[in-house]
Amino acid sequence: MNFLAGLVYLCATTLAYRLYLNSKIIHPNGVLILQMFGDLLYLFDAYLYYDGWKRDKEDFDADVTQKKLMELNLVQQLTIDNIQ
């Protein structure tokens, strides 16, 4: 998505350059629409990145919690065995 948004911005910049180079600014709204479309793609890409990061963090936290519980259980077992 990030690459696609970059291409949209490149197209908008190229179009703006050609329009302003020829001094025939007939459709400047086309450039603005392309830039807004690129912004939307960047925004969607950022959302996908955040969602993936959030899932990875939840998985990591669950793994850490599981390991801590296993270590605590092992310590309790060793303590009980040493008392008996």
PDB file of N, CA and C in Angstrom:
ATOM      1  N   MET A   1       0.827  -1.190   0.000  1.00  0.00           N
ATOM      2  CA  MET A   1       0.000   0.000   0.000  1.00  0.00           C
ATOM      3  C   MET A   1       0.871   1.253   0.000  1.00  0.00           C
ATOM      4  N   ASN A   2       1.941   1.204   0.759  1.00  0.00           N
ATOM      5  CA  ASN A   2       2.824   2.360   0.834  1.00  0.00           C
ATOM      6  C   ASN A   2       3.431   2.644  -0.540  1.00  0.00           C
ATOM      7  N   PHE A   3       3.846   1.597  -1.223  1.00  0.00           N
ATOM      8  CA  PHE A   3       4.423   1.743  -2.559  1.00  0.00           C
ATOM      9  C   PHE A   3       3.387   2.302  -3.535  1.00  0.00           C
ATOM     10  N   LEU A   4       2.173   1.791  -3.456  1.00  0.00           N
ATOM     11  CA  LEU A   4       1.104   2.268  -4.328  1.00  0.00           C
ATOM     12  C   LEU A   4       0.795   3.739  -4.066  1.00  0.00           C
ATOM     13  N   ALA A   5       0.762   4.122  -2.801  1.00  0.00           N
ATOM     14  CA  ALA A   5       0.519   5.532  -2.463  1.00  0.00           C
ATOM     15  C   ALA A   5       1.647   6.407  -2.998  1.00  0.00           C
ATOM     16  N   GLY A   6       2.871   5.927  -2.918  1.00  0.00           N
ATOM     17  CA  GLY A   6       4.002   6.673  -3.475  1.00  0.00           C
ATOM     18  C   GLY A   6       3.872   6.851  -4.980  1.00  0.00           C
ATOM     19  N   LEU A   7       3.398   5.819  -5.652  1.00  0.00           N
ATOM     20  CA  LEU A   7       3.188   5.937  -7.106  1.00  0.00           C
ATOM     21  C   LEU A   7       2.094   6.946  -7.435  1.00  0.00           C
ATOM     22  N   VAL A   8       1.044   6.970  -6.633  1.00  0.00           N
ATOM     23  CA  VAL A   8      -0.031   7.942  -6.855  1.00  0.00           C
ATOM     24  C   VAL A   8       0.514   9.357  -6.675  1.00  0.00           C
ATOM     25  N   TYR A   9       1.326   9.571  -5.647  1.00  0.00           N
ATOM     26  CA  TYR A   9       1.933  10.881  -5.441  1.00  0.00           C
ATOM     27  C   TYR A   9       2.860  11.245  -6.594  1.00  0.00           C
ATOM     28  N   LEU A  10       3.591  10.269  -7.095  1.00  0.00           N
ATOM     29  CA  LEU A  10       4.467  10.522  -8.241  1.00  0.00           C
ATOM     30  C   LEU A  10       3.658  10.945  -9.461  1.00  0.00           C
ATOM     31  N   CYS A  11       2.549  10.265  -9.697  1.00  0.00           N
ATOM     32  CA  CYS A  11       1.672  10.640 -10.817  1.00  0.00           C
ATOM     33  C   CYS A  11       1.107  12.047 -10.613  1.00  0.00           C
ATOM     34  N   ALA A  12       0.706  12.373  -9.409  1.00  0.00           N
ATOM     35  CA  ALA A  12       0.153  13.704  -9.130  1.00  0.00           C
ATOM     36  C   ALA A  12       1.218  14.773  -9.335  1.00  0.00           C
ATOM     37  N   THR A  13       2.437  14.499  -8.898  1.00  0.00           N
ATOM     38  CA  THR A  13       3.518  15.473  -9.066  1.00  0.00           C
ATOM     39  C   THR A  13       3.864  15.655 -10.536  1.00  0.00           C
ATOM     40  N   THR A  14       3.920  14.559 -11.276  1.00  0.00           N
ATOM     41  CA  THR A  14       4.206  14.637 -12.704  1.00  0.00           C
ATOM     42  C   THR A  14       3.114  15.407 -13.426  1.00  0.00           C
ATOM     43  N   LEU A  15       1.867  15.125 -13.097  1.00  0.00           N
ATOM     44  CA  LEU A  15       0.751  15.833 -13.715  1.00  0.00           C
ATOM     45  C   LEU A  15       0.795  17.318 -13.381  1.00  0.00           C
ATOM     46  N   ALA A  16       1.081  17.641 -12.136  1.00  0.00           N
ATOM     47  CA  ALA A  16       1.161  19.049 -11.734  1.00  0.00           C
ATOM     48  C   ALA A  16       2.301  19.747 -12.467  1.00  0.00           C
ATOM     49  N   TYR A  17       3.435  19.080 -12.598  1.00  0.00           N
ATOM     50  CA  TYR A  17       4.574  19.668 -13.306  1.00  0.00           C
ATOM     51  C   TYR A  17       4.223  19.945 -14.761  1.00  0.00           C
ATOM     52  N   ARG A  18       3.590  18.982 -15.407  1.00  0.00           N
ATOM     53  CA  ARG A  18       3.229  19.179 -16.822  1.00  0.00           C
ATOM     54  C   ARG A  18       2.179  20.270 -16.991  1.00  0.00           C
ATOM     55  N   LEU A  19       1.210  20.319 -16.076  1.00  0.00           N
ATOM     56  CA  LEU A  19       0.187  21.354 -16.167  1.00  0.00           C
ATOM     57  C   LEU A  19       0.778  22.744 -15.976  1.00  0.00           C
ATOM     58  N   TYR A  20       1.638  22.904 -14.976  1.00  0.00           N
ATOM     59  CA  TYR A  20       2.205  24.219 -14.683  1.00  0.00           C
ATOM     60  C   TYR A  20       3.320  24.593 -15.653  1.00  0.00           C
ATOM     61  N   LEU A  21       3.970  23.612 -16.254  1.00  0.00           N
ATOM     62  CA  LEU A  21       5.016  23.885 -17.233  1.00  0.00           C
ATOM     63  C   LEU A  21       4.417  24.479 -18.494  1.00  0.00           C
ATOM     64  N   ASN A  22       3.285  23.965 -18.908  1.00  0.00           N
ATOM     65  CA  ASN A  22       2.627  24.448 -20.126  1.00  0.00           C
ATOM     66  C   ASN A  22       1.784  25.690 -19.877  1.00  0.00           C
ATOM     67  N   SER A  23       1.656  26.079 -18.612  1.00  0.00           N
ATOM     68  CA  SER A  23       0.833  27.235 -18.222  1.00  0.00           C
ATOM     69  C   SER A  23      -0.608  27.098 -18.691  1.00  0.00           C
ATOM     70  N   LYS A  24      -1.050  25.896 -18.866  1.00  0.00           N
ATOM     71  CA  LYS A  24      -2.439  25.631 -19.244  1.00  0.00           C
ATOM     72  C   LYS A  24      -3.108  24.910 -18.079  1.00  0.00           C
ATOM     73  N   ILE A  25      -3.369  25.627 -17.047  1.00  0.00           N
ATOM     74  CA  ILE A  25      -3.952  25.040 -15.844  1.00  0.00           C
ATOM     75  C   ILE A  25      -5.452  24.916 -16.076  1.00  0.00           C
ATOM     76  N   ILE A  26      -5.821  23.830 -16.732  1.00  0.00           N
ATOM     77  CA  ILE A  26      -7.226  23.603 -17.059  1.00  0.00           C
ATOM     78  C   ILE A  26      -7.909  22.811 -15.951  1.00  0.00           C
ATOM     79  N   HIS A  27      -7.243  21.771 -15.484  1.00  0.00           N
ATOM     80  CA  HIS A  27      -7.832  20.887 -14.480  1.00  0.00           C
ATOM     81  C   HIS A  27      -6.906  20.736 -13.274  1.00  0.00           C
ATOM     82  N   PRO A  28      -6.722  21.796 -12.479  1.00  0.00           N
ATOM     83  CA  PRO A  28      -5.858  21.639 -11.294  1.00  0.00           C
ATOM     84  C   PRO A  28      -6.502  20.762 -10.230  1.00  0.00           C
ATOM     85  N   ASN A  29      -7.809  20.581 -10.306  1.00  0.00           N
ATOM     86  CA  ASN A  29      -8.485  19.720  -9.320  1.00  0.00           C
ATOM     87  C   ASN A  29      -8.069  18.270  -9.473  1.00  0.00           C
ATOM     88  N   GLY A  30      -7.688  17.870 -10.674  1.00  0.00           N
ATOM     89  CA  GLY A  30      -7.233  16.496 -10.895  1.00  0.00           C
ATOM     90  C   GLY A  30      -6.003  16.172 -10.063  1.00  0.00           C
ATOM     91  N   VAL A  31      -5.099  17.138  -9.955  1.00  0.00           N
ATOM     92  CA  VAL A  31      -3.893  16.947  -9.146  1.00  0.00           C
ATOM     93  C   VAL A  31      -4.273  16.820  -7.669  1.00  0.00           C
ATOM     94  N   LEU A  32      -5.164  17.681  -7.222  1.00  0.00           N
ATOM     95  CA  LEU A  32      -5.588  17.631  -5.816  1.00  0.00           C
ATOM     96  C   LEU A  32      -6.290  16.322  -5.495  1.00  0.00           C
ATOM     97  N   ILE A  33      -7.103  15.845  -6.415  1.00  0.00           N
ATOM     98  CA  ILE A  33      -7.808  14.572  -6.197  1.00  0.00           C
ATOM     99  C   ILE A  33      -6.810  13.422  -6.116  1.00  0.00           C
ATOM    100  N   LEU A  34      -5.798  13.427  -6.998  1.00  0.00           N
ATOM    101  CA  LEU A  34      -4.772  12.386  -6.937  1.00  0.00           C
ATOM    102  C   LEU A  34      -4.005  12.443  -5.615  1.00  0.00           C
ATOM    103  N   GLN A  35      -3.698  13.647  -5.146  1.00  0.00           N
ATOM    104  CA  GLN A  35      -2.988  13.765  -3.879  1.00  0.00           C
ATOM    105  C   GLN A  35      -3.851  13.290  -2.715  1.00  0.00           C
ATOM    106  N   MET A  36      -5.129  13.605  -2.737  1.00  0.00           N
ATOM    107  CA  MET A  36      -6.020  13.127  -1.671  1.00  0.00           C
ATOM    108  C   MET A  36      -6.159  11.611  -1.715  1.00  0.00           C
ATOM    109  N   PHE A  37      -6.194  11.039  -2.917  1.00  0.00           N
ATOM    110  CA  PHE A  37      -6.248   9.582  -3.043  1.00  0.00           C
ATOM    111  C   PHE A  37      -4.976   8.958  -2.472  1.00  0.00           C
ATOM    112  N   GLY A  38      -3.831   9.579  -2.739  1.00  0.00           N
ATOM    113  CA  GLY A  38      -2.570   9.102  -2.153  1.00  0.00           C
ATOM    114  C   GLY A  38      -2.597   9.194  -0.636  1.00  0.00           C
ATOM    115  N   ASP A  39      -3.170  10.280  -0.115  1.00  0.00           N
ATOM    116  CA  ASP A  39      -3.301  10.413   1.348  1.00  0.00           C
ATOM    117  C   ASP A  39      -4.158   9.303   1.933  1.00  0.00           C
ATOM    118  N   LEU A  40      -5.241   8.977   1.263  1.00  0.00           N
ATOM    119  CA  LEU A  40      -6.119   7.904   1.744  1.00  0.00           C
ATOM    120  C   LEU A  40      -5.398   6.559   1.734  1.00  0.00           C
ATOM    121  N   LEU A  41      -4.594   6.330   0.696  1.00  0.00           N
ATOM    122  CA  LEU A  41      -3.832   5.079   0.640  1.00  0.00           C
ATOM    123  C   LEU A  41      -2.816   5.020   1.775  1.00  0.00           C
ATOM    124  N   TYR A  42      -2.135   6.141   2.042  1.00  0.00           N
ATOM    125  CA  TYR A  42      -1.197   6.176   3.162  1.00  0.00           C
ATOM    126  C   TYR A  42      -1.917   5.928   4.486  1.00  0.00           C
ATOM    127  N   LEU A  43      -3.078   6.502   4.640  1.00  0.00           N
ATOM    128  CA  LEU A  43      -3.851   6.326   5.863  1.00  0.00           C
ATOM    129  C   LEU A  43      -4.266   4.869   6.042  1.00  0.00           C
ATOM    130  N   PHE A  44      -4.726   4.239   4.978  1.00  0.00           N
ATOM    131  CA  PHE A  44      -5.114   2.829   5.035  1.00  0.00           C
ATOM    132  C   PHE A  44      -3.906   1.950   5.337  1.00  0.00           C
ATOM    133  N   ASP A  45      -2.752   2.277   4.744  1.00  0.00           N
ATOM    134  CA  ASP A  45      -1.525   1.537   5.011  1.00  0.00           C
ATOM    135  C   ASP A  45      -1.126   1.661   6.476  1.00  0.00           C
ATOM    136  N   ALA A  46      -1.265   2.856   7.036  1.00  0.00           N
ATOM    137  CA  ALA A  46      -0.938   3.063   8.445  1.00  0.00           C
ATOM    138  C   ALA A  46      -1.873   2.253   9.343  1.00  0.00           C
ATOM    139  N   TYR A  47      -3.142   2.180   8.985  1.00  0.00           N
ATOM    140  CA  TYR A  47      -4.093   1.382   9.772  1.00  0.00           C
ATOM    141  C   TYR A  47      -3.716  -0.098   9.736  1.00  0.00           C
ATOM    142  N   LEU A  48      -3.376  -0.613   8.551  1.00  0.00           N
ATOM    143  CA  LEU A  48      -2.980  -2.018   8.443  1.00  0.00           C
ATOM    144  C   LEU A  48      -1.715  -2.294   9.251  1.00  0.00           C
ATOM    145  N   TYR A  49      -0.771  -1.364   9.226  1.00  0.00           N
ATOM    146  CA  TYR A  49       0.463  -1.521   9.996  1.00  0.00           C
ATOM    147  C   TYR A  49       0.144  -1.553  11.491  1.00  0.00           C
ATOM    148  N   TYR A  50      -0.706  -0.632  11.938  1.00  0.00           N
ATOM    149  CA  TYR A  50      -1.076  -0.578  13.354  1.00  0.00           C
ATOM    150  C   TYR A  50      -1.795  -1.861  13.782  1.00  0.00           C
ATOM    151  N   ASP A  51      -2.705  -2.344  12.943  1.00  0.00           N
ATOM    152  CA  ASP A  51      -3.453  -3.558  13.277  1.00  0.00           C
ATOM    153  C   ASP A  51      -2.509  -4.756  13.397  1.00  0.00           C
ATOM    154  N   GLY A  52      -1.558  -4.871  12.489  1.00  0.00           N
ATOM    155  CA  GLY A  52      -0.584  -5.953  12.559  1.00  0.00           C
ATOM    156  C   GLY A  52       0.294  -5.845  13.790  1.00  0.00           C
ATOM    157  N   TRP A  53       0.728  -4.619  14.118  1.00  0.00           N
ATOM    158  CA  TRP A  53       1.553  -4.404  15.306  1.00  0.00           C
ATOM    159  C   TRP A  53       0.778  -4.781  16.567  1.00  0.00           C
ATOM    160  N   LYS A  54      -0.491  -4.402  16.610  1.00  0.00           N
ATOM    161  CA  LYS A  54      -1.318  -4.685  17.785  1.00  0.00           C
ATOM    162  C   LYS A  54      -1.483  -6.196  17.984  1.00  0.00           C
ATOM    163  N   ARG A  55      -1.709  -6.915  16.902  1.00  0.00           N
ATOM    164  CA  ARG A  55      -1.845  -8.381  17.005  1.00  0.00           C
ATOM    165  C   ARG A  55      -0.543  -9.019  17.474  1.00  0.00           C
ATOM    166  N   ASP A  56       0.589  -8.563  16.911  1.00  0.00           N
ATOM    167  CA  ASP A  56       1.878  -9.105  17.325  1.00  0.00           C
ATOM    168  C   ASP A  56       2.142  -8.826  18.801  1.00  0.00           C
ATOM    169  N   LYS A  57       1.804  -7.644  19.272  1.00  0.00           N
ATOM    170  CA  LYS A  57       2.007  -7.300  20.679  1.00  0.00           C
ATOM    171  C   LYS A  57       1.142  -8.173  21.581  1.00  0.00           C
ATOM    172  N   GLU A  58      -0.107  -8.400  21.200  1.00  0.00           N
ATOM    173  CA  GLU A  58      -0.976  -9.255  22.006  1.00  0.00           C
ATOM    174  C   GLU A  58      -0.428 -10.675  22.061  1.00  0.00           C
ATOM    175  N   ASP A  59       0.054 -11.197  20.933  1.00  0.00           N
ATOM    176  CA  ASP A  59       0.640 -12.534  20.927  1.00  0.00           C
ATOM    177  C   ASP A  59       1.888 -12.595  21.800  1.00  0.00           C
ATOM    178  N   PHE A  60       2.726 -11.566  21.696  1.00  0.00           N
ATOM    179  CA  PHE A  60       3.947 -11.523  22.505  1.00  0.00           C
ATOM    180  C   PHE A  60       3.610 -11.465  23.992  1.00  0.00           C
ATOM    181  N   ASP A  61       2.663 -10.616  24.357  1.00  0.00           N
ATOM    182  CA  ASP A  61       2.264 -10.507  25.766  1.00  0.00           C
ATOM    183  C   ASP A  61       1.688 -11.816  26.282  1.00  0.00           C
ATOM    184  N   ALA A  62       0.913 -12.506  25.451  1.00  0.00           N
ATOM    185  CA  ALA A  62       0.351 -13.797  25.870  1.00  0.00           C
ATOM    186  C   ALA A  62       1.468 -14.821  26.084  1.00  0.00           C
ATOM    187  N   ASP A  63       2.480 -14.824  25.199  1.00  0.00           N
ATOM    188  CA  ASP A  63       3.603 -15.748  25.354  1.00  0.00           C
ATOM    189  C   ASP A  63       4.394 -15.455  26.625  1.00  0.00           C
ATOM    190  N   VAL A  64       4.635 -14.178  26.890  1.00  0.00           N
ATOM    191  CA  VAL A  64       5.390 -13.805  28.097  1.00  0.00           C
ATOM    192  C   VAL A  64       4.616 -14.201  29.343  1.00  0.00           C
ATOM    193  N   THR A  65       3.313 -13.963  29.343  1.00  0.00           N
ATOM    194  CA  THR A  65       2.488 -14.338  30.493  1.00  0.00           C
ATOM    195  C   THR A  65       2.510 -15.844  30.701  1.00  0.00           C
ATOM    196  N   GLN A  66       2.416 -16.596  29.625  1.00  0.00           N
ATOM    197  CA  GLN A  66       2.446 -18.064  29.718  1.00  0.00           C
ATOM    198  C   GLN A  66       3.779 -18.540  30.279  1.00  0.00           C
ATOM    199  N   LYS A  67       4.877 -17.947  29.828  1.00  0.00           N
ATOM    200  CA  LYS A  67       6.194 -18.352  30.329  1.00  0.00           C
ATOM    201  C   LYS A  67       6.340 -18.024  31.814  1.00  0.00           C
ATOM    202  N   LYS A  68       5.850 -16.856  32.225  1.00  0.00           N
ATOM    203  CA  LYS A  68       5.941 -16.483  33.638  1.00  0.00           C
ATOM    204  C   LYS A  68       5.116 -17.431  34.504  1.00  0.00           C
ATOM    205  N   LEU A  69       3.939 -17.810  34.011  1.00  0.00           N
ATOM    206  CA  LEU A  69       3.116 -18.756  34.769  1.00  0.00           C
ATOM    207  C   LEU A  69       3.789 -20.116  34.872  1.00  0.00           C
ATOM    208  N   MET A  70       4.426 -20.557  33.805  1.00  0.00           N
ATOM    209  CA  MET A  70       5.138 -21.837  33.849  1.00  0.00           C
ATOM    210  C   MET A  70       6.308 -21.777  34.831  1.00  0.00           C
ATOM    211  N   GLU A  71       7.051 -20.664  34.842  1.00  0.00           N
ATOM    212  CA  GLU A  71       8.162 -20.518  35.780  1.00  0.00           C
ATOM    213  C   GLU A  71       7.655 -20.491  37.222  1.00  0.00           C
ATOM    214  N   LEU A  72       6.559 -19.788  37.448  1.00  0.00           N
ATOM    215  CA  LEU A  72       5.981 -19.729  38.791  1.00  0.00           C
ATOM    216  C   LEU A  72       5.523 -21.110  39.247  1.00  0.00           C
ATOM    217  N   ASN A  73       4.922 -21.862  38.359  1.00  0.00           N
ATOM    218  CA  ASN A  73       4.476 -23.215  38.684  1.00  0.00           C
ATOM    219  C   ASN A  73       5.672 -24.105  38.998  1.00  0.00           C
ATOM    220  N   LEU A  74       6.759 -23.952  38.238  1.00  0.00           N
ATOM    221  CA  LEU A  74       7.967 -24.746  38.478  1.00  0.00           C
ATOM    222  C   LEU A  74       8.564 -24.397  39.845  1.00  0.00           C
ATOM    223  N   VAL A  75       8.611 -23.121  40.185  1.00  0.00           N
ATOM    224  CA  VAL A  75       9.144 -22.704  41.487  1.00  0.00           C
ATOM    225  C   VAL A  75       8.275 -23.259  42.606  1.00  0.00           C
ATOM    226  N   GLN A  76       6.962 -23.231  42.446  1.00  0.00           N
ATOM    227  CA  GLN A  76       6.070 -23.766  43.472  1.00  0.00           C
ATOM    228  C   GLN A  76       6.262 -25.271  43.624  1.00  0.00           C
ATOM    229  N   GLN A  77       6.435 -25.964  42.519  1.00  0.00           N
ATOM    230  CA  GLN A  77       6.657 -27.416  42.598  1.00  0.00           C
ATOM    231  C   GLN A  77       7.961 -27.730  43.313  1.00  0.00           C
ATOM    232  N   LEU A  78       9.022 -26.978  43.000  1.00  0.00           N
ATOM    233  CA  LEU A  78      10.307 -27.216  43.657  1.00  0.00           C
ATOM    234  C   LEU A  78      10.224 -26.909  45.150  1.00  0.00           C
ATOM    235  N   THR A  79       9.503 -25.874  45.506  1.00  0.00           N
ATOM    236  CA  THR A  79       9.350 -25.499  46.916  1.00  0.00           C
ATOM    237  C   THR A  79       8.573 -26.573  47.666  1.00  0.00           C
ATOM    238  N   ILE A  80       7.514 -27.055  47.073  1.00  0.00           N
ATOM    239  CA  ILE A  80       6.705 -28.114  47.719  1.00  0.00           C
ATOM    240  C   ILE A  80       7.529 -29.385  47.877  1.00  0.00           C
ATOM    241  N   ASP A  81       8.299 -29.741  46.869  1.00  0.00           N
ATOM    242  CA  ASP A  81       9.141 -30.946  46.943  1.00  0.00           C
ATOM    243  C   ASP A  81      10.225 -30.807  48.005  1.00  0.00           C
ATOM    244  N   ASN A  82      10.777 -29.607  48.174  1.00  0.00           N
ATOM    245  CA  ASN A  82      11.838 -29.400  49.178  1.00  0.00           C
ATOM    246  C   ASN A  82      11.251 -29.433  50.596  1.00  0.00           C
ATOM    247  N   ILE A  83      10.025 -28.997  50.775  1.00  0.00           N
ATOM    248  CA  ILE A  83       9.418 -29.014  52.104  1.00  0.00           C
ATOM    249  C   ILE A  83       9.103 -30.438  52.539  1.00  0.00           C
ATOM    250  N   GLN A  84       8.645 -31.232  51.626  1.00  0.00           N
ATOM    251  CA  GLN A  84       8.265 -32.612  51.963  1.00  0.00           C
ATOM    252  C   GLN A  84       9.498 -33.418  52.056  1.00  0.00           C
TER     253      GLN A  84
END
